[in-house]
Amino acid sequence: FLNDVLRIVRRPGCRTVPQLRQLFGAIKKAWRDALDPATLPDPTPAILADALALLRSFRLIDWDQTIPLAHSLLQTLNPRPEWIRKIKHYFVDEYQDFNRAEQRLIGLLTTDAESLVVVGDDDQSLYGGRGGSPQGILDLQADQRHDHVSLVKCYRCKGNVLPPANAFLATMKPNPRLLIPARPGGQVLCFRFKSSKAEVEFLVNWLTARIAEIPKESKPTDGAVCLFPTNRVLNSYFDFLSHRLPCVK
């Protein structure tokens, strides 16, 4: 598609597919942020018009354009479709992973609803790459018209794991929501090694023992999980361990 568009829109500043892809990135970001891409600096508006014409000829819509289109269509419908007017209660999960345009559409959909329950965590956003906006849930929390319930009881980590986790949270935020354990137990073990070779040998032995504890009739979720800070570190450890242990990356 970019090659087809480039033949139509080629001009100074937009002569290659990478340059065109960068311009389209700005257009898609504008759609996700509930902004009009026609207001972006030149030559983006003219390129957008030609691209939309080509999309229409193939009966295609860009995924990021669907939400602003839906929002625009819903605004023009008077009265709204009966099936929408019948919905009185909305429950929205993982609200921080919706982008601004999606959050705005949710706001429009729920205008006449009796209740809206939003669940989310402003400390995370797995979909930041597609515009996921934790700011949306922070804005709702700041609005005094809304009830706010903070869920701090932790069912994922046992009691002994939470003090270091809470200490870590306190280093990242001035007013952290400290977690409360739902069950006792758990352990945090810290090790120090003289060399990376010694560390790998320890990991091989330790993980081998953990794998041996997995029941023969195991579930897909049974096993040990190793977390690493970056893809580069992950790749390095995987190269060390993959030929000595059954593991996947």
Protein backbone atom coordinates (compact mmCIF):
# COMPACT_ATOMS: atom_id res chain seq x y z
CA PHE A 1 0.00 0.00 0.00
CA LEU A 2 2.80 2.44 0.86
CA ASN A 3 4.44 1.76 -2.51
CA ASP A 4 1.15 2.50 -4.27
CA VAL A 5 0.63 5.71 -2.29
CA LEU A 6 4.20 6.84 -2.89
CA ARG A 7 3.64 6.87 -6.65
CA ILE A 8 0.81 9.36 -6.13
CA VAL A 9 2.22 11.62 -3.41
CA ARG A 10 5.98 11.72 -4.13
CA ARG A 11 7.34 15.21 -3.40
CA PRO A 12 10.24 16.86 -1.49
CA GLY A 13 10.40 15.35 1.97
CA CYS A 14 8.45 12.30 0.85
CA ARG A 15 10.43 10.42 -1.76
CA THR A 16 10.96 7.05 -0.07
CA VAL A 17 8.81 4.46 1.67
CA PRO A 18 10.55 5.06 5.06
CA GLN A 19 9.77 8.79 4.79
CA LEU A 20 6.16 8.00 3.90
CA ARG A 21 5.90 5.49 6.73
CA GLN A 22 7.07 8.18 9.16
CA LEU A 23 4.36 10.55 7.91
CA PHE A 24 1.75 7.82 8.24
CA GLY A 25 2.99 7.17 11.77
CA ALA A 26 2.15 10.77 12.64
CA ILE A 27 -1.29 10.41 11.01
CA LYS A 28 -2.07 7.20 12.93
CA LYS A 29 -0.88 8.78 16.19
CA ALA A 30 -3.22 11.72 15.59
CA TRP A 31 -6.15 9.34 15.12
CA ARG A 32 -5.24 7.49 18.32
CA ASP A 33 -4.91 10.78 20.24
CA ALA A 34 -8.33 12.00 19.05
CA LEU A 35 -6.75 14.72 16.92
CA ASP A 36 -7.52 15.70 13.33
CA PRO A 37 -4.54 14.65 11.15
CA ALA A 38 -5.59 17.31 8.63
CA THR A 39 -4.17 19.87 11.08
CA LEU A 40 -0.67 18.36 10.96
CA PRO A 41 2.13 20.31 9.23
CA ASP A 42 2.49 20.18 5.45
CA PRO A 43 2.74 18.03 3.41
CA THR A 44 0.83 15.58 5.65
CA PRO A 45 -2.75 16.83 4.97
CA ALA A 46 -2.37 16.56 1.18
CA ILE A 47 -0.76 13.12 1.46
CA LEU A 48 -3.56 12.02 3.79
CA ALA A 49 -6.23 13.10 1.29
CA ASP A 50 -4.61 11.10 -1.52
CA ALA A 51 -4.09 8.08 0.73
CA LEU A 52 -7.74 8.11 1.88
CA ALA A 53 -8.88 8.26 -1.75
CA LEU A 54 -6.76 5.21 -2.56
CA LEU A 55 -8.05 3.40 0.53
CA ARG A 56 -11.63 4.08 -0.55
CA SER A 57 -10.94 2.64 -4.00
CA PHE A 58 -10.00 -0.63 -2.28
CA ARG A 59 -12.88 -0.32 0.25
CA LEU A 60 -10.35 -0.24 3.11
CA ILE A 61 -10.14 1.71 6.37
CA ASP A 62 -7.01 2.04 8.46
CA TRP A 63 -7.48 0.36 11.84
CA ASP A 64 -6.61 3.52 13.80
CA GLN A 65 -9.16 5.49 11.76
CA THR A 66 -12.08 3.24 12.74
CA ILE A 67 -12.48 4.78 16.20
CA PRO A 68 -12.66 8.46 15.13
CA LEU A 69 -15.02 7.40 12.32
CA ALA A 70 -17.27 5.58 14.80
CA HIS A 71 -17.20 8.61 17.11
CA SER A 72 -18.15 10.93 14.23
CA LEU A 73 -20.97 8.65 13.06
CA LEU A 74 -22.39 8.31 16.57
CA GLN A 75 -22.41 12.09 17.01
CA THR A 76 -24.46 12.53 13.82
CA LEU A 77 -27.13 9.94 14.70
CA ASN A 78 -30.23 11.50 16.25
CA PRO A 79 -31.79 9.58 17.78
CA ARG A 80 -29.16 7.00 18.54
CA PRO A 81 -29.82 3.38 17.56
CA GLU A 82 -32.19 1.69 19.97
CA TRP A 83 -29.73 -1.11 20.77
CA ILE A 84 -27.30 1.50 22.11
CA ARG A 85 -29.98 3.37 24.06
CA LYS A 86 -31.00 0.12 25.74
CA ILE A 87 -27.56 -0.37 27.33
CA LYS A 88 -27.75 1.08 30.85
CA HIS A 89 -24.62 -0.31 32.49
CA TYR A 90 -21.08 -0.48 31.14
CA PHE A 91 -18.05 -2.32 32.52
CA VAL A 92 -14.67 -1.44 30.98
CA ASP A 93 -11.59 -3.47 31.93
CA GLU A 94 -7.90 -2.49 31.43
CA TYR A 95 -8.89 1.11 30.79
CA GLN A 96 -5.26 2.26 30.79
CA ASP A 97 -4.67 0.28 27.60
CA PHE A 98 -7.26 2.22 25.60
CA ASN A 99 -5.95 5.17 23.63
CA ARG A 100 -7.44 8.66 23.92
CA ALA A 101 -9.74 8.23 20.92
CA GLU A 102 -11.11 4.97 22.35
CA GLN A 103 -11.61 6.54 25.76
CA ARG A 104 -13.44 9.45 24.13
CA LEU A 105 -15.71 7.01 22.26
CA ILE A 106 -16.47 5.18 25.52
CA GLY A 107 -17.41 8.53 27.05
CA LEU A 108 -19.80 9.24 24.18
CA LEU A 109 -21.34 5.76 24.28
CA THR A 110 -22.03 6.01 28.01
CA THR A 111 -23.56 9.50 27.96
CA ASP A 112 -27.07 8.20 28.71
CA ALA A 113 -26.05 5.14 30.75
CA GLU A 114 -27.01 4.73 34.39
CA SER A 115 -23.58 3.48 35.44
CA LEU A 116 -20.04 3.02 34.15
CA VAL A 117 -17.47 0.92 35.99
CA VAL A 118 -13.88 1.37 34.85
CA VAL A 119 -11.09 -0.95 36.00
CA GLY A 120 -7.43 -0.28 35.34
CA ASP A 121 -3.94 0.36 36.66
CA ASP A 122 -2.30 3.70 35.92
CA ASP A 123 1.10 2.19 36.83
CA GLN A 124 1.13 0.06 33.69
CA SER A 125 0.36 0.30 30.01
CA LEU A 126 1.22 -2.68 27.86
CA TYR A 127 -0.17 -0.96 24.77
CA GLY A 128 1.69 2.35 24.97
CA GLY A 129 2.99 1.59 21.47
CA ARG A 130 -0.51 1.96 20.07
CA GLY A 131 -1.43 4.96 22.20
CA GLY A 132 -2.59 3.28 25.42
CA SER A 133 -3.14 6.18 27.82
CA PRO A 134 -2.91 5.70 31.61
CA GLN A 135 -3.66 9.43 31.87
CA GLY A 136 -7.28 8.62 31.06
CA ILE A 137 -7.84 6.70 34.28
CA LEU A 138 -5.94 9.36 36.25
CA ASP A 139 -8.32 11.98 34.86
CA LEU A 140 -11.30 9.92 36.00
CA GLN A 141 -9.78 9.53 39.47
CA ALA A 142 -9.26 13.28 39.73
CA ASP A 143 -12.93 13.98 38.93
CA GLN A 144 -14.77 14.33 42.25
CA ARG A 145 -18.04 13.22 40.64
CA HIS A 146 -16.74 9.65 40.39
CA ASP A 147 -16.42 7.06 43.13
CA HIS A 148 -12.90 5.69 43.44
CA VAL A 149 -11.94 2.30 44.90
CA SER A 150 -8.28 1.31 45.10
CA LEU A 151 -7.69 -2.45 45.02
CA VAL A 152 -4.49 -3.00 46.99
CA LYS A 153 -4.93 -6.60 48.18
CA CYS A 154 -2.42 -8.65 46.20
CA TYR A 155 -3.37 -12.19 45.14
CA ARG A 156 -0.38 -12.66 42.84
CA CYS A 157 2.48 -12.52 45.36
CA LYS A 158 2.57 -14.08 48.81
CA GLY A 159 3.14 -12.07 51.98
CA ASN A 160 6.92 -12.38 52.24
CA VAL A 161 7.38 -11.09 48.70
CA LEU A 162 5.46 -7.85 49.22
CA PRO A 163 7.82 -5.90 51.56
CA PRO A 164 10.61 -5.74 48.94
CA ALA A 165 8.00 -5.12 46.24
CA ASN A 166 6.56 -2.23 48.26
CA ALA A 167 10.06 -0.87 48.87
CA PHE A 168 10.63 -0.94 45.12
CA LEU A 169 7.35 0.89 44.51
CA ALA A 170 8.35 3.55 47.03
CA THR A 171 11.49 4.34 45.04
CA MET A 172 9.44 4.97 41.89
CA LYS A 173 6.51 7.04 43.20
CA PRO A 174 6.26 9.66 45.94
CA ASN A 175 2.89 8.30 47.14
CA PRO A 176 2.79 4.61 46.21
CA ARG A 177 -0.26 2.42 46.77
CA LEU A 178 1.36 -0.20 48.97
CA LEU A 179 0.15 -3.75 48.45
CA ILE A 180 -1.46 -5.86 51.18
CA PRO A 181 -0.94 -9.66 51.07
CA ALA A 182 -3.93 -11.93 50.58
CA ARG A 183 -2.03 -15.00 51.79
CA PRO A 184 1.16 -15.75 53.74
CA GLY A 185 4.34 -17.46 52.56
CA GLY A 186 6.64 -16.93 49.64
CA GLN A 187 10.35 -16.20 49.67
CA VAL A 188 12.85 -13.82 48.13
CA LEU A 189 16.34 -15.22 47.67
CA CYS A 190 19.34 -13.11 46.68
CA PHE A 191 22.58 -14.54 45.32
CA ARG A 192 25.93 -13.11 44.35
CA PHE A 193 28.35 -14.80 41.96
CA LYS A 194 32.05 -14.47 41.26
CA SER A 195 31.53 -14.79 37.51
CA SER A 196 28.88 -15.13 34.85
CA LYS A 197 29.95 -18.76 34.37
CA ALA A 198 29.25 -19.49 38.04
CA GLU A 199 25.87 -17.78 37.72
CA VAL A 200 24.90 -19.86 34.68
CA GLU A 201 25.91 -23.08 36.45
CA PHE A 202 23.77 -22.11 39.43
CA LEU A 203 20.80 -21.32 37.17
CA VAL A 204 21.11 -24.62 35.32
CA ASN A 205 21.11 -26.61 38.57
CA TRP A 206 18.36 -24.54 40.18
CA LEU A 207 16.06 -24.58 37.16
CA THR A 208 16.67 -28.30 36.60
CA ALA A 209 15.47 -28.93 40.14
CA ARG A 210 12.38 -26.76 39.57
CA ILE A 211 11.56 -28.57 36.32
CA ALA A 212 11.86 -31.91 38.11
CA GLU A 213 9.13 -30.75 40.54
CA ILE A 214 6.60 -30.21 37.75
CA PRO A 215 3.91 -32.95 37.81
CA LYS A 216 3.86 -35.37 34.91
CA GLU A 217 0.27 -34.33 34.21
CA SER A 218 1.23 -30.68 33.98
CA LYS A 219 -0.81 -27.70 32.83
CA PRO A 220 0.45 -25.10 30.35
CA THR A 221 0.96 -22.68 33.25
CA ASP A 222 3.20 -25.07 35.23
CA GLY A 223 6.87 -24.21 35.18
CA ALA A 224 9.41 -21.60 36.18
CA VAL A 225 9.46 -18.11 34.69
CA CYS A 226 12.63 -16.03 34.45
CA LEU A 227 12.28 -12.28 33.94
CA PHE A 228 15.02 -10.09 32.46
CA PRO A 229 15.29 -6.31 32.25
CA THR A 230 15.85 -6.01 28.48
CA ASN A 231 15.60 -8.08 25.31
CA ARG A 232 19.37 -7.97 24.99
CA VAL A 233 19.85 -9.55 28.44
CA LEU A 234 17.08 -12.06 27.73
CA ASN A 235 18.75 -13.14 24.48
CA SER A 236 22.10 -13.51 26.21
CA TYR A 237 20.77 -15.75 28.99
CA PHE A 238 18.67 -17.75 26.54
CA ASP A 239 21.82 -18.50 24.51
CA PHE A 240 23.53 -19.70 27.70
CA LEU A 241 20.67 -21.88 28.91
CA SER A 242 18.67 -23.10 25.90
CA HIS A 243 21.05 -25.93 24.97
CA ARG A 244 21.10 -27.21 28.56
CA LEU A 245 17.46 -26.85 29.62
CA PRO A 246 14.02 -27.23 28.04
CA CYS A 247 12.98 -23.57 27.75
CA VAL A 248 11.23 -21.14 25.44
CA LYS A 249 11.74 -17.43 24.90
